[in-house]
Amino acid sequence: MRRLLAVLLMSLSVAAHAGNTFRVGNSVLTVGDSAARVMQLMGQPDYKEPVESDFGGFRGERWQYMRDNGHVVTITILSGRIYDIQDRTR
């Protein structure tokens, strides 16, 4: 019973980690990579918007990329590093 629970918990942690990656050709972007790495793999974003703190100050940016397959990839950059990656259909 304990082994089953351990396997279940490990599979859930792998699934959660896989949600924070994005494949670009033969490379993979992951949370924690630098903004320079995003620019190297994906180029200039199609749209940028500021991310504000709770007090209205600048905290980072959200970069949006339109992909050929009808997806919009949104990468949140905080302190020069990838904080979040979202891949959604239009």
Protein backbone atom coordinates (compact mmCIF):
# COMPACT_ATOMS: atom_id res chain seq x y z
CA MET A 1 0.00 0.00 0.00
CA ARG A 2 2.82 2.40 0.86
CA ARG A 3 4.57 1.68 -2.43
CA LEU A 4 1.41 2.49 -4.35
CA LEU A 5 1.06 5.78 -2.49
CA ALA A 6 4.73 6.62 -3.12
CA VAL A 7 4.42 5.90 -6.86
CA LEU A 8 1.26 8.00 -7.06
CA LEU A 9 2.88 10.96 -5.30
CA MET A 10 5.99 10.76 -7.49
CA SER A 11 3.92 10.70 -10.67
CA LEU A 12 2.03 13.80 -9.54
CA SER A 13 5.26 15.69 -8.84
CA VAL A 14 6.60 14.82 -12.31
CA ALA A 15 3.38 16.06 -13.92
CA ALA A 16 3.57 19.36 -12.04
CA HIS A 17 7.16 19.88 -13.11
CA ALA A 18 6.40 19.14 -16.76
CA GLY A 19 3.92 22.03 -16.82
CA ASN A 20 6.76 24.52 -16.40
CA THR A 21 8.66 23.62 -19.55
CA PHE A 22 8.27 24.51 -23.20
CA ARG A 23 9.93 22.85 -26.18
CA VAL A 24 11.42 25.11 -28.85
CA GLY A 25 12.81 22.98 -31.68
CA ASN A 26 15.46 20.73 -30.12
CA SER A 27 15.77 22.88 -26.96
CA VAL A 28 13.64 23.23 -23.85
CA LEU A 29 12.86 26.35 -21.82
CA THR A 30 12.26 25.77 -18.12
CA VAL A 31 11.32 27.92 -15.16
CA GLY A 32 14.50 29.53 -13.85
CA ASP A 33 16.12 30.02 -17.27
CA SER A 34 17.27 33.56 -18.08
CA ALA A 35 15.40 36.09 -20.19
CA ALA A 36 18.41 36.05 -22.54
CA ARG A 37 17.81 32.33 -23.13
CA VAL A 38 14.18 33.06 -24.06
CA MET A 39 15.33 35.72 -26.55
CA GLN A 40 17.93 33.32 -27.98
CA LEU A 41 15.38 30.55 -28.60
CA MET A 42 12.20 32.49 -29.36
CA GLY A 43 13.32 35.94 -30.51
CA GLN A 44 11.52 39.19 -29.80
CA PRO A 45 8.07 38.74 -28.22
CA ASP A 46 4.99 39.77 -30.18
CA TYR A 47 3.62 41.59 -27.12
CA LYS A 48 5.04 42.69 -23.76
CA GLU A 49 3.09 43.83 -20.72
CA PRO A 50 4.40 44.92 -17.32
CA VAL A 51 3.78 42.89 -14.17
CA GLU A 52 3.14 45.14 -11.18
CA SER A 53 3.62 44.44 -7.49
CA ASP A 54 0.75 44.77 -5.03
CA PHE A 55 1.80 48.38 -4.49
CA GLY A 56 1.88 49.31 -8.19
CA GLY A 57 5.64 49.11 -8.69
CA PHE A 58 7.36 47.33 -11.57
CA ARG A 59 7.95 43.64 -10.83
CA GLY A 60 8.64 42.11 -14.26
CA GLU A 61 7.09 41.47 -17.66
CA ARG A 62 4.84 39.00 -19.47
CA TRP A 63 6.04 38.16 -22.97
CA GLN A 64 3.56 36.72 -25.47
CA TYR A 65 4.51 34.77 -28.57
CA MET A 66 2.06 33.78 -31.32
CA ARG A 67 2.91 30.30 -32.62
CA ASP A 68 2.05 28.91 -36.07
CA ASN A 69 -0.05 26.11 -34.59
CA GLY A 70 -2.65 28.52 -33.14
CA HIS A 71 -1.12 28.68 -29.67
CA VAL A 72 -0.14 31.70 -27.61
CA VAL A 73 2.85 31.15 -25.34
CA THR A 74 3.02 33.53 -22.37
CA ILE A 75 6.29 33.68 -20.46
CA THR A 76 6.41 35.66 -17.22
CA ILE A 77 9.84 37.16 -16.51
CA LEU A 78 10.65 38.30 -12.96
CA SER A 79 14.13 39.51 -11.97
CA GLY A 80 15.53 38.45 -15.34
CA ARG A 81 14.42 34.80 -14.99
CA ILE A 82 11.46 32.76 -16.23
CA TYR A 83 8.86 32.61 -13.46
CA ASP A 84 5.99 30.94 -15.38
CA ILE A 85 5.26 29.45 -18.80
CA GLN A 86 1.75 29.08 -20.22
CA ASP A 87 0.90 27.54 -23.60
CA ARG A 88 -2.73 28.14 -24.60
CA THR A 89 -4.82 27.95 -27.73
CA ARG A 90 -6.12 31.23 -29.13
